[in-house]
Protein backbone atom coordinates (compact mmCIF):
# COMPACT_ATOMS: atom_id res chain seq x y z
CA MET A 1 55.43 -37.13 -203.49
CA ILE A 2 54.94 -40.58 -205.27
CA ILE A 3 57.98 -42.55 -206.84
CA ARG A 4 57.14 -44.19 -209.97
CA VAL A 5 58.45 -47.63 -209.18
CA ASP A 6 56.60 -47.73 -205.85
CA GLU A 7 53.45 -46.64 -207.90
CA ASP A 8 54.06 -49.51 -210.24
CA SER A 9 54.34 -51.88 -207.43
CA MET A 10 51.22 -50.75 -205.77
CA ALA A 11 49.18 -50.98 -208.80
CA ARG A 12 50.44 -54.64 -209.56
CA MET A 13 49.95 -55.79 -205.90
CA LEU A 14 46.37 -54.48 -205.92
CA GLY A 15 45.72 -55.45 -209.31
CA VAL A 16 44.44 -52.25 -210.55
CA PRO A 17 45.58 -49.44 -213.00
CA GLN A 18 47.66 -46.75 -211.36
CA ALA A 19 44.83 -44.20 -211.72
CA GLN A 20 42.55 -46.49 -209.58
CA ILE A 21 44.98 -46.86 -206.75
CA PRO A 22 42.77 -45.76 -203.56
CA GLU A 23 43.47 -42.40 -202.21
CA VAL A 24 43.64 -43.81 -198.80
CA VAL A 25 46.59 -45.92 -199.92
CA LEU A 26 48.34 -43.03 -201.43
CA THR A 27 48.07 -41.09 -198.34
CA GLU A 28 49.49 -43.86 -196.29
CA TYR A 29 52.32 -44.30 -198.68
CA GLN A 30 53.29 -40.70 -198.60
CA LEU A 31 53.40 -40.61 -194.89
CA ARG A 32 55.63 -43.90 -194.80
CA LEU A 33 57.91 -42.55 -197.49
CA ARG A 34 58.42 -39.20 -195.43
CA MET A 35 59.25 -41.11 -192.47
CA PHE A 36 61.72 -43.46 -194.44
CA HIS A 37 63.53 -40.43 -195.81
CA CYS A 38 63.61 -38.90 -192.37
CA ASP A 39 65.47 -41.75 -190.93
CA GLY A 40 68.31 -41.03 -193.34
CA ASN A 41 67.13 -43.21 -196.30
CA SER A 42 66.63 -42.34 -199.89
CA GLY A 43 64.94 -43.57 -202.95
CA ALA A 44 61.84 -45.87 -203.13
CA LEU A 45 60.13 -47.51 -200.30
CA GLY A 46 60.49 -50.67 -202.11
CA THR A 47 58.75 -54.07 -202.55
CA VAL A 48 58.94 -55.18 -198.78
CA GLY A 49 57.78 -51.80 -197.53
CA ILE A 50 54.88 -51.70 -200.01
CA ILE A 51 53.92 -55.14 -199.05
CA ASP A 52 54.13 -54.44 -195.35
CA MET A 53 51.90 -51.03 -195.78
CA LEU A 54 49.24 -52.90 -197.93
CA ARG A 55 48.92 -55.88 -195.47
CA SER A 56 48.77 -53.55 -192.41
CA MET A 57 45.74 -52.06 -194.31
CA LYS A 58 44.50 -55.48 -194.96
CA LEU A 59 44.67 -55.01 -198.65
CA GLY A 60 46.25 -57.24 -201.54
CA PRO A 61 45.61 -58.42 -204.78
CA PRO A 62 41.99 -59.38 -205.69
CA PRO A 63 41.26 -63.29 -205.39
CA ARG A 64 41.92 -65.14 -208.71
CA ALA A 65 39.12 -66.95 -210.13
CA GLN A 66 39.39 -70.68 -209.51
CA GLU A 67 38.19 -73.39 -211.85
CA ARG A 68 35.40 -75.36 -210.46
CA ALA A 69 37.29 -78.48 -210.76
CA SER A 70 41.04 -79.13 -211.33
CA VAL A 71 41.90 -80.06 -214.81
CA ASP A 72 43.52 -83.67 -215.48
CA TRP A 73 45.69 -82.26 -218.33
CA SER A 74 46.83 -85.82 -219.08
CA ARG A 75 43.24 -86.60 -220.32
CA ILE A 76 43.12 -83.51 -222.70
CA PRO A 77 43.65 -84.19 -226.38
CA MET A 78 47.05 -82.66 -227.31
CA ASN A 79 46.18 -82.36 -230.99
CA GLY A 80 45.05 -78.73 -230.76
CA ALA A 81 41.26 -79.59 -230.64
CA VAL A 82 40.88 -77.98 -227.30
CA ARG A 83 40.66 -74.30 -227.23
CA VAL A 84 42.06 -72.55 -224.08
CA MET A 85 42.75 -69.00 -222.65
CA ALA A 86 46.13 -68.17 -221.52
CA ARG A 87 47.26 -65.43 -219.19
CA ILE A 88 50.06 -63.09 -220.19
CA ASP A 89 51.13 -59.77 -218.64
CA GLY A 90 49.92 -56.74 -220.10
CA LYS A 91 50.33 -53.12 -219.73
CA ASN A 92 50.90 -51.80 -216.13
CA GLY A 93 51.30 -55.40 -214.90
CA MET A 94 47.48 -55.97 -215.78
CA PRO A 95 46.96 -59.65 -217.03
CA ASN A 96 45.46 -60.31 -220.48
CA TRP A 97 43.68 -63.43 -221.51
CA VAL A 98 44.47 -64.59 -225.08
CA SER A 99 43.09 -67.54 -226.81
CA GLY A 100 44.74 -70.60 -228.41
CA VAL A 101 44.95 -74.19 -228.30
CA TYR A 102 46.39 -76.74 -226.04
CA VAL A 103 49.17 -78.95 -227.36
CA GLY A 104 50.55 -80.94 -224.34
CA GLN A 105 52.62 -80.69 -221.32
CA VAL A 106 56.18 -79.65 -220.94
CA GLY A 107 58.45 -82.16 -219.45
CA GLY A 108 58.44 -82.52 -215.47
CA ALA A 109 58.09 -78.80 -215.04
CA GLY A 110 54.30 -78.94 -214.70
CA LYS A 111 53.88 -76.37 -217.32
CA LEU A 112 51.49 -76.48 -220.32
CA ALA A 113 52.34 -76.04 -224.12
CA VAL A 114 49.83 -73.57 -225.66
CA ARG A 115 49.90 -72.31 -229.44
CA LEU A 116 48.42 -68.86 -229.31
CA ASP A 117 46.04 -67.64 -232.08
CA GLY A 118 47.95 -65.99 -234.96
CA ASP A 119 51.50 -67.19 -233.42
CA VAL A 120 53.24 -70.18 -235.20
CA TYR A 121 55.25 -70.70 -231.91
CA VAL A 122 54.41 -72.93 -228.95
CA HIS A 123 54.79 -71.10 -225.70
CA GLU A 124 54.96 -72.52 -222.03
CA PHE A 125 52.49 -71.45 -219.34
CA ARG A 126 52.05 -72.28 -215.55
CA ARG A 127 49.06 -74.43 -215.13
CA ASP A 128 47.35 -71.55 -213.07
CA ASP A 129 47.58 -69.44 -216.26
CA VAL A 130 45.72 -71.57 -218.59
CA ARG A 131 41.98 -72.52 -218.46
CA ILE A 132 39.82 -74.43 -220.84
CA ALA A 133 37.53 -72.08 -223.10
CA ARG A 134 34.25 -73.83 -222.91
CA ASP A 135 31.09 -72.94 -224.87
CA GLU A 136 29.16 -72.75 -221.50
CA PRO A 137 31.17 -70.20 -219.39
CA MET A 138 32.79 -68.38 -222.36
CA ARG A 139 29.48 -67.54 -224.20
CA PRO A 140 28.09 -64.18 -225.57
CA ILE A 141 26.05 -62.78 -222.57
CA SER A 142 23.80 -60.28 -224.55
CA PRO A 143 19.99 -61.19 -224.03
CA GLU A 144 18.56 -63.25 -226.85
CA ASP A 145 15.87 -60.79 -227.11
CA ALA A 146 18.16 -57.85 -227.59
CA VAL A 147 16.37 -57.09 -230.91
CA GLN A 148 12.58 -57.74 -230.35
CA SER A 149 12.36 -56.74 -226.61
CA ASP A 150 11.29 -53.19 -225.47
CA VAL A 151 12.81 -53.78 -222.24
CA PRO A 152 15.74 -51.54 -221.53
CA LEU A 153 19.11 -53.17 -221.97
CA ALA A 154 19.97 -52.36 -218.23
CA ASP A 155 16.80 -54.37 -217.13
CA ARG A 156 17.55 -57.44 -218.91
CA LYS A 157 19.40 -60.54 -217.62
CA PRO A 158 22.28 -60.91 -217.15
CA TRP A 159 23.11 -57.23 -217.05
CA SER A 160 20.51 -56.24 -214.39
CA SER A 161 22.01 -58.70 -211.90
CA MET A 162 25.85 -58.29 -212.76
CA PRO A 163 27.68 -56.49 -210.07
CA ALA A 164 30.46 -53.73 -211.05
CA GLY A 165 33.81 -55.32 -211.20
CA GLU A 166 32.62 -58.65 -212.40
CA LEU A 167 35.26 -60.44 -214.68
CA VAL A 168 34.61 -60.77 -218.18
CA ALA A 169 36.41 -60.96 -221.50
CA VAL A 170 35.93 -58.76 -224.56
CA LYS A 171 36.84 -58.99 -228.05
CA ASP A 172 39.22 -56.12 -228.74
CA GLY A 173 41.50 -55.73 -231.78
CA GLY A 174 40.78 -59.35 -232.77
CA GLU A 175 41.57 -60.92 -229.60
CA HIS A 176 39.97 -61.70 -226.44
CA LYS A 177 41.16 -59.75 -223.34
CA GLU A 178 40.32 -59.92 -219.59
CA ALA A 179 38.28 -57.04 -218.40
CA ARG A 180 36.07 -55.78 -215.59
CA PHE A 181 32.21 -54.93 -216.09
CA HIS A 182 31.41 -51.37 -215.03
CA ALA A 183 28.05 -50.27 -216.28
CA VAL A 184 25.40 -50.16 -218.95
CA GLN A 185 25.25 -47.00 -221.12
CA ASP A 186 22.21 -47.09 -223.59
CA ASP A 187 22.69 -50.14 -225.71
CA GLN A 188 26.53 -50.61 -225.00
CA ILE A 189 28.49 -52.03 -222.08
CA LEU A 190 31.08 -50.13 -220.10
CA VAL A 191 34.09 -52.17 -219.33
CA LEU A 192 37.64 -51.62 -218.08
CA VAL A 193 40.00 -53.66 -220.25
CA ALA A 194 43.10 -55.15 -218.69
CA GLY A 195 46.05 -52.67 -219.31
CA ASP A 196 43.75 -49.70 -219.91
CA LEU A 197 43.45 -46.70 -217.47
CA THR A 198 39.83 -45.83 -218.14
CA PRO A 199 36.77 -48.00 -219.22
CA ARG A 200 35.48 -48.28 -222.80
CA LEU A 201 32.14 -49.03 -224.53
CA PHE A 202 31.69 -52.25 -226.31
CA ASP A 203 28.71 -53.85 -228.07
CA PRO A 204 27.08 -56.51 -225.78
CA GLU A 205 28.03 -59.22 -228.45
CA GLU A 206 31.73 -58.52 -227.96
CA ILE A 207 31.59 -59.32 -224.24
CA LEU A 208 31.91 -62.97 -223.05
CA CYS A 209 31.47 -64.68 -219.69
CA LEU A 210 34.68 -66.14 -218.15
CA GLU A 211 34.61 -69.24 -216.02
CA ASN A 212 34.77 -68.67 -212.31
């Protein structure tokens, strides 16, 4: 038996879709839930119980990519000339990175003002949820010789050296979304888009590097 709210909590805390919660975690959860109910309790194990279970298994959310250097936002132009990626919550608690422009800081709250693409309103984001979109780290990572080379796509850089689970961004539905690299299939790239339950295939030119 798995209670839906507990399943949602596990997925959010582990940073994975529900379908990818490890079997060992589900087994331990069901044991703890049964013990919880045997002691006269009812309902979900709850946030504290899930945290205790995951930490006892030395599990937790994946480490967030850190910027190479802390950004001094007071030095960044506030006229919309600097493009950024802002993190918003997507389906199943998975984050999406959407593009926009930086337009300033918000009072003394330490938040940043960002106007997202296609949105006339200005939104507030925590500093940790905004990163500068640079030409270097956010570039197409399909090889330049993709057309003329006879070398299989899987053997070309950077795909040959990219580990499964590497953080990338994909252009999906007209916006850039956070995703995880899975594998190469023929001349397409298989990635898991944030909020999706199963990986999908994209053309190499639709996949972008994210700054680590």
